[in-house]
Amino acid sequence: MKLSESVKSISYLKANAANLIEKINKEQKTFVITQNGEAKVIVQDIKVYEKTQETMAMLKLLAMTRDKNKEAKGIQETFADLRNELKSIQ
């Protein structure tokens, strides 16, 4: 879905709020509401919003896991380097 195809003015929202909300819920669409020709807010179905929030939370968890794995690799490499140094000393 292209947001550029779902741009409505605030005056349209005021005049057609019930119909717009019905359309949003029925089609699970997202609309950009403009004021004075400038994008100001997003209006979207609550289920779509919740799904987006869940997706963002999972992406954050994946990023945290990735970062921890990088740290773990760094630690493993450090211990491997230390082992190699100890072997060369003996």
Protein backbone atom coordinates (compact mmCIF):
# COMPACT_ATOMS: atom_id res chain seq x y z
CA MET A 1 0.00 0.00 0.00
CA LYS A 2 1.33 3.39 -0.96
CA LEU A 3 0.71 6.12 1.57
CA SER A 4 0.78 8.67 -1.24
CA GLU A 5 -2.51 7.16 -2.43
CA SER A 6 -4.05 7.56 1.02
CA VAL A 7 -3.56 11.25 1.77
CA LYS A 8 -6.55 13.18 3.09
CA SER A 9 -6.87 16.70 4.41
CA ILE A 10 -7.97 17.43 7.94
CA SER A 11 -11.12 19.05 6.58
CA TYR A 12 -11.92 15.78 4.76
CA LEU A 13 -11.38 13.90 8.01
CA LYS A 14 -13.69 16.27 9.89
CA ALA A 15 -16.44 15.98 7.27
CA ASN A 16 -16.12 12.21 6.74
CA ALA A 17 -14.77 10.82 10.02
CA ALA A 18 -17.30 8.00 10.40
CA ASN A 19 -16.91 6.85 6.79
CA LEU A 20 -13.13 7.10 6.91
CA ILE A 21 -12.93 5.12 10.15
CA GLU A 22 -15.22 2.47 8.68
CA LYS A 23 -13.00 2.22 5.59
CA ILE A 24 -9.85 2.07 7.72
CA ASN A 25 -11.25 -0.76 9.83
CA LYS A 26 -12.76 -2.68 6.93
CA GLU A 27 -9.73 -2.47 4.63
CA GLN A 28 -7.08 -2.14 7.35
CA LYS A 29 -5.75 0.95 5.60
CA THR A 30 -3.53 3.74 6.81
CA PHE A 31 -4.19 7.37 5.96
CA VAL A 32 -1.93 10.40 6.12
CA ILE A 33 -3.84 13.45 7.33
CA THR A 34 -2.59 16.83 6.18
CA GLN A 35 -3.03 20.28 7.65
CA ASN A 36 -2.25 23.32 5.54
CA GLY A 37 -0.80 21.01 2.89
CA GLU A 38 1.66 19.41 5.28
CA ALA A 39 1.53 15.81 6.55
CA LYS A 40 0.71 15.91 10.28
CA VAL A 41 -0.66 12.58 11.50
CA ILE A 42 -1.26 8.98 10.54
CA VAL A 43 -4.64 7.34 11.09
CA GLN A 44 -4.63 3.57 10.96
CA ASP A 45 -6.53 0.50 12.06
CA ILE A 46 -5.68 -0.52 15.62
CA LYS A 47 -4.91 -4.09 14.55
CA VAL A 48 -2.40 -2.85 11.99
CA TYR A 49 -0.84 -0.59 14.63
CA GLU A 50 -0.55 -3.44 17.13
CA LYS A 51 1.00 -5.71 14.49
CA THR A 52 3.51 -3.00 13.64
CA GLN A 53 4.41 -2.57 17.31
CA GLU A 54 4.88 -6.33 17.74
CA THR A 55 7.08 -6.42 14.64
CA MET A 56 9.19 -3.54 15.96
CA ALA A 57 9.60 -5.32 19.31
CA MET A 58 10.77 -8.51 17.58
CA LEU A 59 13.22 -6.54 15.44
CA LYS A 60 14.63 -4.92 18.58
CA LEU A 61 15.08 -8.35 20.16
CA LEU A 62 16.85 -9.61 17.04
CA ALA A 63 19.13 -6.59 17.04
CA MET A 64 19.95 -7.11 20.72
CA THR A 65 20.68 -10.80 20.07
CA ARG A 66 22.91 -9.89 17.14
CA ASP A 67 24.81 -7.38 19.27
CA LYS A 68 25.28 -9.92 22.06
CA ASN A 69 26.53 -12.50 19.57
CA LYS A 70 29.07 -9.99 18.30
CA GLU A 71 30.22 -9.37 21.87
CA ALA A 72 30.41 -13.11 22.50
CA LYS A 73 32.52 -13.59 19.36
CA GLY A 74 34.83 -10.84 20.54
CA ILE A 75 35.25 -12.53 23.90
CA GLN A 76 35.86 -15.90 22.24
CA GLU A 77 38.50 -14.36 19.98
CA THR A 78 40.16 -12.70 22.98
CA PHE A 79 40.36 -16.00 24.86
CA ALA A 80 41.70 -17.73 21.75
CA ASP A 81 44.40 -15.04 21.46
CA LEU A 82 45.29 -15.46 25.13
CA ARG A 83 45.53 -19.25 24.73
CA ASN A 84 47.84 -18.81 21.75
CA GLU A 85 50.04 -16.39 23.69
CA LEU A 86 50.21 -18.79 26.63
CA LYS A 87 51.22 -21.64 24.30
CA SER A 88 53.99 -19.54 22.80
CA ILE A 89 55.33 -18.65 26.28
CA GLN A 90 55.50 -22.29 27.40
